[in-house]
C-alpha atoms as a PDB file:
ATOM      1  CA  MET A   1      55.974  90.934 120.223  1.00  0.00           C
ATOM      2  CA  GLN A   2      56.367  87.363 119.055  1.00  0.00           C
ATOM      3  CA  SER A   3      56.795  88.628 115.500  1.00  0.00           C
ATOM      4  CA  ARG A   4      59.611  90.930 116.651  1.00  0.00           C
ATOM      5  CA  ARG A   5      61.279  88.045 118.489  1.00  0.00           C
ATOM      6  CA  LYS A   6      61.078  85.893 115.397  1.00  0.00           C
ATOM      7  CA  ILE A   7      62.652  88.661 113.327  1.00  0.00           C
ATOM      8  CA  MET A   8      65.431  89.164 115.899  1.00  0.00           C
ATOM      9  CA  ASN A   9      66.049  85.430 116.148  1.00  0.00           C
ATOM     10  CA  SER A  10      66.144  85.247 112.388  1.00  0.00           C
ATOM     11  CA  LYS A  11      68.658  88.116 112.242  1.00  0.00           C
ATOM     12  CA  GLY A  12      70.732  86.498 114.982  1.00  0.00           C
ATOM     13  CA  LYS A  13      70.817  83.202 113.140  1.00  0.00           C
ATOM     14  CA  GLY A  14      71.726  85.052 109.957  1.00  0.00           C
ATOM     15  CA  ILE A  15      74.660  86.791 111.651  1.00  0.00           C
ATOM     16  CA  ILE A  16      75.913  83.528 113.171  1.00  0.00           C
ATOM     17  CA  THR A  17      75.612  81.801 109.819  1.00  0.00           C
ATOM     18  CA  ALA A  18      77.527  84.616 108.132  1.00  0.00           C
ATOM     19  CA  VAL A  19      80.273  84.463 110.754  1.00  0.00           C
ATOM     20  CA  ILE A  20      80.578  80.689 110.341  1.00  0.00           C
ATOM     21  CA  VAL A  21      80.785  81.041 106.559  1.00  0.00           C
ATOM     22  CA  VAL A  22      83.522  83.683 106.907  1.00  0.00           C
ATOM     23  CA  LEU A  23      85.484  81.519 109.353  1.00  0.00           C
ATOM     24  CA  ILE A  24      85.226  78.492 107.072  1.00  0.00           C
ATOM     25  CA  ALA A  25      86.363  80.563 104.100  1.00  0.00           C
ATOM     26  CA  LEU A  26      89.251  82.020 106.105  1.00  0.00           C
ATOM     27  CA  ALA A  27      90.327  78.568 107.299  1.00  0.00           C
ATOM     28  CA  ALA A  28      90.230  77.251 103.740  1.00  0.00           C
ATOM     29  CA  PHE A  29      92.241  80.234 102.496  1.00  0.00           C
ATOM     30  CA  CYS A  30      94.824  79.795 105.270  1.00  0.00           C
ATOM     31  CA  GLY A  31      95.037  76.079 104.558  1.00  0.00           C
ATOM     32  CA  PHE A  32      95.658  76.771 100.889  1.00  0.00           C
ATOM     33  CA  GLY A  33      98.311  79.348 101.813  1.00  0.00           C
ATOM     34  CA  TYR A  34     100.043  76.884 104.134  1.00  0.00           C
ATOM     35  CA  ILE A  35     100.171  74.130 101.496  1.00  0.00           C
ATOM     36  CA  SER A  36     101.245  76.545  98.771  1.00  0.00           C
ATOM     37  CA  GLN A  37     103.953  77.919 101.057  1.00  0.00           C
ATOM     38  CA  ARG A  38     105.320  74.431 101.719  1.00  0.00           C
ATOM     39  CA  MET A  39     105.401  73.534  98.024  1.00  0.00           C
ATOM     40  CA  THR A  40     107.123  76.782  97.039  1.00  0.00           C
ATOM     41  CA  ALA A  41     109.678  76.421  99.838  1.00  0.00           C
ATOM     42  CA  SER A  42     110.389  72.858  98.725  1.00  0.00           C
ATOM     43  CA  GLU A  43     111.386  74.187  95.315  1.00  0.00           C
ATOM     44  CA  GLY A  44     113.635  76.709  97.047  1.00  0.00           C
ATOM     45  CA  ILE A  45     115.397  73.970  99.011  1.00  0.00           C
ATOM     46  CA  THR A  46     116.095  72.131  95.751  1.00  0.00           C
ATOM     47  CA  TYR A  47     117.758  75.237  94.330  1.00  0.00           C
ATOM     48  CA  LEU A  48     119.639  75.811  97.600  1.00  0.00           C
ATOM     49  CA  ASP A  49     121.060  72.284  97.470  1.00  0.00           C
ATOM     50  CA  LYS A  50     122.207  72.990  93.905  1.00  0.00           C
ATOM     51  CA  LYS A  51     123.820  76.232  95.111  1.00  0.00           C
ATOM     52  CA  GLU A  52     121.579  78.234  92.785  1.00  0.00           C
ATOM     53  CA  TYR A  53     121.135  80.872  95.450  1.00  0.00           C
ATOM     54  CA  GLN A  54     119.316  83.546  93.445  1.00  0.00           C
ATOM     55  CA  LYS A  55     116.612  81.106  92.360  1.00  0.00           C
ATOM     56  CA  ALA A  56     116.447  79.707  95.896  1.00  0.00           C
ATOM     57  CA  TYR A  57     115.989  83.189  97.326  1.00  0.00           C
ATOM     58  CA  GLU A  58     113.196  83.996  94.878  1.00  0.00           C
ATOM     59  CA  GLN A  59     111.302  80.855  95.873  1.00  0.00           C
ATOM     60  CA  PHE A  60     111.751  81.437  99.601  1.00  0.00           C
ATOM     61  CA  ASP A  61     110.769  85.093  99.294  1.00  0.00           C
ATOM     62  CA  HIS A  62     107.646  84.061  97.396  1.00  0.00           C
ATOM     63  CA  ALA A  63     106.889  81.383  99.990  1.00  0.00           C
ATOM     64  CA  ALA A  64     107.358  83.819 102.874  1.00  0.00           C
ATOM     65  CA  GLY A  65     104.741  86.080 101.304  1.00  0.00           C
ATOM     66  CA  LYS A  66     102.065  83.390 101.393  1.00  0.00           C
ATOM     67  CA  PHE A  67      99.235  84.262 103.752  1.00  0.00           C
ATOM     68  CA  THR A  68      98.972  82.259 106.963  1.00  0.00           C
ATOM     69  CA  LEU A  69      96.800  83.324 109.887  1.00  0.00           C
ATOM     70  CA  ILE A  70      99.585  82.824 112.469  1.00  0.00           C
ATOM     71  CA  PHE A  71     103.389  82.735 112.463  1.00  0.00           C
ATOM     72  CA  THR A  72     103.897  78.986 112.032  1.00  0.00           C
ATOM     73  CA  LYS A  73     107.018  76.854 112.390  1.00  0.00           C
ATOM     74  CA  GLN A  74     106.896  76.443 108.632  1.00  0.00           C
ATOM     75  CA  LYS A  75     106.997  80.239 108.146  1.00  0.00           C
ATOM     76  CA  LYS A  76     109.954  80.401 110.534  1.00  0.00           C
ATOM     77  CA  ASP A  77     111.825  77.733 108.566  1.00  0.00           C
ATOM     78  CA  VAL A  78     111.111  79.527 105.286  1.00  0.00           C
ATOM     79  CA  LEU A  79     112.596  82.752 106.664  1.00  0.00           C
ATOM     80  CA  PHE A  80     115.709  80.942 107.895  1.00  0.00           C
ATOM     81  CA  TYR A  81     116.153  79.432 104.428  1.00  0.00           C
ATOM     82  CA  GLU A  82     115.620  82.821 102.814  1.00  0.00           C
ATOM     83  CA  GLY A  83     118.249  84.338 105.089  1.00  0.00           C
ATOM     84  CA  GLU A  84     120.684  81.551 104.211  1.00  0.00           C
ATOM     85  CA  ALA A  85     120.208  82.119 100.468  1.00  0.00           C
ATOM     86  CA  LEU A  86     120.830  85.846 100.904  1.00  0.00           C
ATOM     87  CA  TYR A  87     123.921  85.172 103.021  1.00  0.00           C
ATOM     88  CA  GLN A  88     125.353  82.881 100.355  1.00  0.00           C
ATOM     89  CA  MET A  89     124.714  85.593  97.751  1.00  0.00           C
ATOM     90  CA  GLY A  90     126.587  88.132  99.857  1.00  0.00           C
ATOM     91  CA  GLU A  91     123.399  90.123 100.440  1.00  0.00           C
ATOM     92  CA  TYR A  92     124.164  90.581 104.112  1.00  0.00           C
ATOM     93  CA  GLY A  93     122.001  93.665 104.624  1.00  0.00           C
ATOM     94  CA  LYS A  94     118.894  91.933 103.295  1.00  0.00           C
ATOM     95  CA  ALA A  95     119.702  88.819 105.322  1.00  0.00           C
ATOM     96  CA  ILE A  96     119.914  90.949 108.460  1.00  0.00           C
ATOM     97  CA  GLU A  97     116.388  92.229 107.789  1.00  0.00           C
ATOM     98  CA  ILE A  98     115.164  88.622 107.716  1.00  0.00           C
ATOM     99  CA  TYR A  99     116.985  87.780 110.932  1.00  0.00           C
ATOM    100  CA  ASP A 100     115.578  90.878 112.630  1.00  0.00           C
ATOM    101  CA  GLU A 101     112.085  89.628 111.829  1.00  0.00           C
ATOM    102  CA  LEU A 102     112.955  86.240 113.323  1.00  0.00           C
ATOM    103  CA  ILE A 103     114.438  87.913 116.398  1.00  0.00           C
ATOM    104  CA  ASP A 104     111.135  89.777 116.849  1.00  0.00           C
ATOM    105  CA  HIS A 105     109.483  86.347 116.966  1.00  0.00           C
ATOM    106  CA  GLY A 106     111.852  85.140 119.700  1.00  0.00           C
ATOM    107  CA  GLU A 107     114.195  82.989 117.576  1.00  0.00           C
ATOM    108  CA  SER A 108     117.521  82.823 119.419  1.00  0.00           C
ATOM    109  CA  LYS A 109     119.449  81.343 116.474  1.00  0.00           C
ATOM    110  CA  ALA A 110     118.751  84.509 114.483  1.00  0.00           C
ATOM    111  CA  TYR A 111     121.073  86.493 116.765  1.00  0.00           C
ATOM    112  CA  SER A 112     124.025  84.317 115.760  1.00  0.00           C
ATOM    113  CA  LEU A 113     123.180  84.492 112.075  1.00  0.00           C
ATOM    114  CA  LYS A 114     122.764  88.261 112.201  1.00  0.00           C
ATOM    115  CA  ALA A 115     126.124  88.552 113.958  1.00  0.00           C
ATOM    116  CA  TYR A 116     127.807  86.509 111.229  1.00  0.00           C
ATOM    117  CA  CYS A 117     126.327  88.817 108.590  1.00  0.00           C
ATOM    118  CA  LEU A 118     127.705  91.845 110.413  1.00  0.00           C
ATOM    119  CA  ALA A 119     131.086  90.142 110.714  1.00  0.00           C
ATOM    120  CA  GLN A 120     131.098  89.629 106.953  1.00  0.00           C
ATOM    121  CA  GLN A 121     130.476  93.365 106.613  1.00  0.00           C
ATOM    122  CA  LYS A 122     133.537  93.960 108.846  1.00  0.00           C
ATOM    123  CA  LYS A 123     131.251  95.400 111.544  1.00  0.00           C
ATOM    124  CA  LEU A 124     132.778  93.283 114.281  1.00  0.00           C
ATOM    125  CA  ASN A 125     131.852  95.531 117.211  1.00  0.00           C
ATOM    126  CA  LYS A 126     128.208  95.578 116.078  1.00  0.00           C
ATOM    127  CA  ALA A 127     128.350  91.789 115.769  1.00  0.00           C
ATOM    128  CA  ILE A 128     129.510  91.600 119.384  1.00  0.00           C
ATOM    129  CA  ASP A 129     126.660  93.897 120.433  1.00  0.00           C
ATOM    130  CA  VAL A 130     124.136  91.610 118.718  1.00  0.00           C
ATOM    131  CA  CYS A 131     125.595  88.603 120.535  1.00  0.00           C
ATOM    132  CA  ASP A 132     125.339  90.447 123.841  1.00  0.00           C
ATOM    133  CA  GLN A 133     121.681  91.226 123.124  1.00  0.00           C
ATOM    134  CA  GLY A 134     121.076  87.577 122.297  1.00  0.00           C
ATOM    135  CA  ILE A 135     122.790  86.377 125.465  1.00  0.00           C
ATOM    136  CA  LYS A 136     120.708  88.795 127.515  1.00  0.00           C
ATOM    137  CA  GLU A 137     117.473  87.501 125.956  1.00  0.00           C
ATOM    138  CA  HIS A 138     118.512  83.824 125.796  1.00  0.00           C
ATOM    139  CA  PRO A 139     121.188  83.244 128.482  1.00  0.00           C
ATOM    140  CA  ASP A 140     120.966  79.454 128.136  1.00  0.00           C
ATOM    141  CA  ASP A 141     121.598  79.296 124.391  1.00  0.00           C
ATOM    142  CA  GLY A 142     125.198  78.143 124.005  1.00  0.00           C
ATOM    143  CA  GLU A 143     125.283  78.856 120.279  1.00  0.00           C
ATOM    144  CA  ILE A 144     125.219  82.624 120.831  1.00  0.00           C
ATOM    145  CA  TYR A 145     128.200  82.400 123.202  1.00  0.00           C
ATOM    146  CA  CYS A 146     130.064  80.397 120.553  1.00  0.00           C
ATOM    147  CA  THR A 147     129.262  83.031 117.957  1.00  0.00           C
ATOM    148  CA  LYS A 148     130.575  85.785 120.196  1.00  0.00           C
ATOM    149  CA  TYR A 149     133.721  83.739 120.795  1.00  0.00           C
ATOM    150  CA  ALA A 150     134.165  83.294 117.021  1.00  0.00           C
ATOM    151  CA  VAL A 151     133.888  87.053 116.423  1.00  0.00           C
ATOM    152  CA  LEU A 152     136.376  87.793 119.217  1.00  0.00           C
ATOM    153  CA  ALA A 153     138.722  85.147 117.816  1.00  0.00           C
ATOM    154  CA  LYS A 154     138.517  86.917 114.447  1.00  0.00           C
ATOM    155  CA  GLN A 155     139.883  89.940 116.291  1.00  0.00           C
ATOM    156  CA  GLU A 156     142.510  87.710 117.967  1.00  0.00           C
ATOM    157  CA  LYS A 157     140.998  88.509 121.371  1.00  0.00           C
ATOM    158  CA  TYR A 158     141.430  84.948 122.580  1.00  0.00           C
ATOM    159  CA  THR A 159     141.569  85.639 126.322  1.00  0.00           C
ATOM    160  CA  GLN A 160     138.351  87.650 126.157  1.00  0.00           C
ATOM    161  CA  GLY A 161     136.819  84.909 124.023  1.00  0.00           C
ATOM    162  CA  LEU A 162     137.740  82.252 126.555  1.00  0.00           C
ATOM    163  CA  LYS A 163     135.928  84.220 129.249  1.00  0.00           C
ATOM    164  CA  VAL A 164     132.790  84.095 127.083  1.00  0.00           C
ATOM    165  CA  ILE A 165     133.061  80.312 126.862  1.00  0.00           C
ATOM    166  CA  GLU A 166     133.591  80.010 130.615  1.00  0.00           C
ATOM    167  CA  ARG A 167     130.567  82.214 131.244  1.00  0.00           C
ATOM    168  CA  ALA A 168     128.466  79.962 129.026  1.00  0.00           C
ATOM    169  CA  LEU A 169     129.534  76.833 130.904  1.00  0.00           C
ATOM    170  CA  LYS A 170     128.333  78.378 134.155  1.00  0.00           C
ATOM    171  CA  GLN A 171     124.733  78.339 132.906  1.00  0.00           C
ATOM    172  CA  LYS A 172     122.863  75.562 134.698  1.00  0.00           C
ATOM    173  CA  GLU A 173     120.526  74.750 131.796  1.00  0.00           C
ATOM    174  CA  LEU A 174     122.918  75.426 128.931  1.00  0.00           C
ATOM    175  CA  GLU A 175     121.671  74.424 125.477  1.00  0.00           C
ATOM    176  CA  ASN A 176     124.113  73.368 122.733  1.00  0.00           C
ATOM    177  CA  LYS A 177     126.636  72.479 125.435  1.00  0.00           C
ATOM    178  CA  LYS A 178     128.501  70.190 123.057  1.00  0.00           C
ATOM    179  CA  GLU A 179     129.260  73.103 120.757  1.00  0.00           C
ATOM    180  CA  VAL A 180     130.491  75.203 123.685  1.00  0.00           C
ATOM    181  CA  LEU A 181     132.765  72.434 124.963  1.00  0.00           C
ATOM    182  CA  PHE A 182     134.318  72.065 121.509  1.00  0.00           C
ATOM    183  CA  ALA A 183     134.852  75.835 121.321  1.00  0.00           C
ATOM    184  CA  ARG A 184     136.683  75.666 124.646  1.00  0.00           C
ATOM    185  CA  ILE A 185     139.259  73.323 123.100  1.00  0.00           C
ATOM    186  CA  SER A 186     139.769  75.776 120.245  1.00  0.00           C
ATOM    187  CA  ALA A 187     140.085  78.678 122.690  1.00  0.00           C
ATOM    188  CA  TYR A 188     142.968  77.034 124.558  1.00  0.00           C
ATOM    189  CA  GLU A 189     144.640  76.038 121.296  1.00  0.00           C
ATOM    190  CA  SER A 190     144.507  79.658 120.160  1.00  0.00           C
ATOM    191  CA  ARG A 191     146.287  80.658 123.389  1.00  0.00           C
ATOM    192  CA  PHE A 192     148.921  77.977 122.678  1.00  0.00           C
ATOM    193  CA  ASP A 193     147.965  76.221 125.911  1.00  0.00           C
ATOM    194  CA  PHE A 194     148.075  72.800 124.272  1.00  0.00           C
ATOM    195  CA  ASP A 195     148.233  70.854 127.544  1.00  0.00           C
ATOM    196  CA  THR A 196     144.912  72.256 128.739  1.00  0.00           C
ATOM    197  CA  ALA A 197     143.410  71.903 125.263  1.00  0.00           C
ATOM    198  CA  TYR A 198     144.520  68.254 125.207  1.00  0.00           C
ATOM    199  CA  ARG A 199     142.958  67.621 128.626  1.00  0.00           C
ATOM    200  CA  TYR A 200     139.633  69.078 127.500  1.00  0.00           C
ATOM    201  CA  ALA A 201     139.820  67.240 124.176  1.00  0.00           C
ATOM    202  CA  LYS A 202     140.140  63.906 126.009  1.00  0.00           C
ATOM    203  CA  ALA A 203     137.155  64.792 128.180  1.00  0.00           C
ATOM    204  CA  TYR A 204     135.192  65.832 125.077  1.00  0.00           C
ATOM    205  CA  VAL A 205     135.868  62.584 123.228  1.00  0.00           C
ATOM    206  CA  LYS A 206     134.948  60.616 126.337  1.00  0.00           C
ATOM    207  CA  ALA A 207     131.624  62.475 126.524  1.00  0.00           C
ATOM    208  CA  TYR A 208     130.989  62.327 122.749  1.00  0.00           C
ATOM    209  CA  PRO A 209     132.866  59.253 121.471  1.00  0.00           C
ATOM    210  CA  LYS A 210     131.170  59.287 118.057  1.00  0.00           C
ATOM    211  CA  ASP A 211     132.044  62.889 117.264  1.00  0.00           C
ATOM    212  CA  ALA A 212     134.516  62.889 114.360  1.00  0.00           C
ATOM    213  CA  ASN A 213     135.671  66.474 114.920  1.00  0.00           C
ATOM    214  CA  GLY A 214     136.464  65.742 118.544  1.00  0.00           C
ATOM    215  CA  LYS A 215     138.560  62.727 117.586  1.00  0.00           C
ATOM    216  CA  LYS A 216     140.368  64.782 114.970  1.00  0.00           C
ATOM    217  CA  GLU A 217     141.238  67.472 117.519  1.00  0.00           C
ATOM    218  CA  LEU A 218     142.448  64.896 120.024  1.00  0.00           C
ATOM    219  CA  THR A 219     144.684  63.263 117.422  1.00  0.00           C
ATOM    220  CA  PHE A 220     146.113  66.662 116.488  1.00  0.00           C
ATOM    221  CA  LEU A 221     146.823  67.564 120.107  1.00  0.00           C
ATOM    222  CA  GLU A 222     148.482  64.222 120.797  1.00  0.00           C
ATOM    223  CA  THR A 223     151.141  65.194 118.267  1.00  0.00           C
ATOM    224  CA  ARG A 224     151.936  68.500 119.955  1.00  0.00           C
END
């Protein structure tokens, strides 16, 4: 009996040891993948800054393929960079595939970027649909409202676009509020309601006195 217990204990210890060895090896492999991914992505950013988009894409695509045990912030950033390189190359379909993957991981910004890709493909109604999906999933993200406004403005649907901006400003915990407030100025300008645009521009500059774009808009509207 004691001999059997010793054998079982020995087997148990052997299994535990094996599991520990596997975990250590996996952690080391993941760590190597993480570092390698960062270095490869860094090279991609260098190419992106130089506007060498094909080379940038190749580096980001290679980096995205590096094995990491979980979906890290670094992996997310790599995919956003990869999508940007594809967008700059005019590869909107491939960029959309990247943004779909990011959407699956809950990244709200990916909705806006996907919508812009669709807009470039002249699929404006589909771009609107993507924005609506994003707003439904992330009702407090002001950037998606601004993207929808931009697509509607491209269609010269300024009144409908203004309603989108007003809807955004009703959100109690609105993110990217600054961007939405600036879009509101543009919306009233597009409707040739320069008095209202001027009033909102003054309020914007008061709230964000260091914002150069706000000051520029206010100066423009003062000449109207």
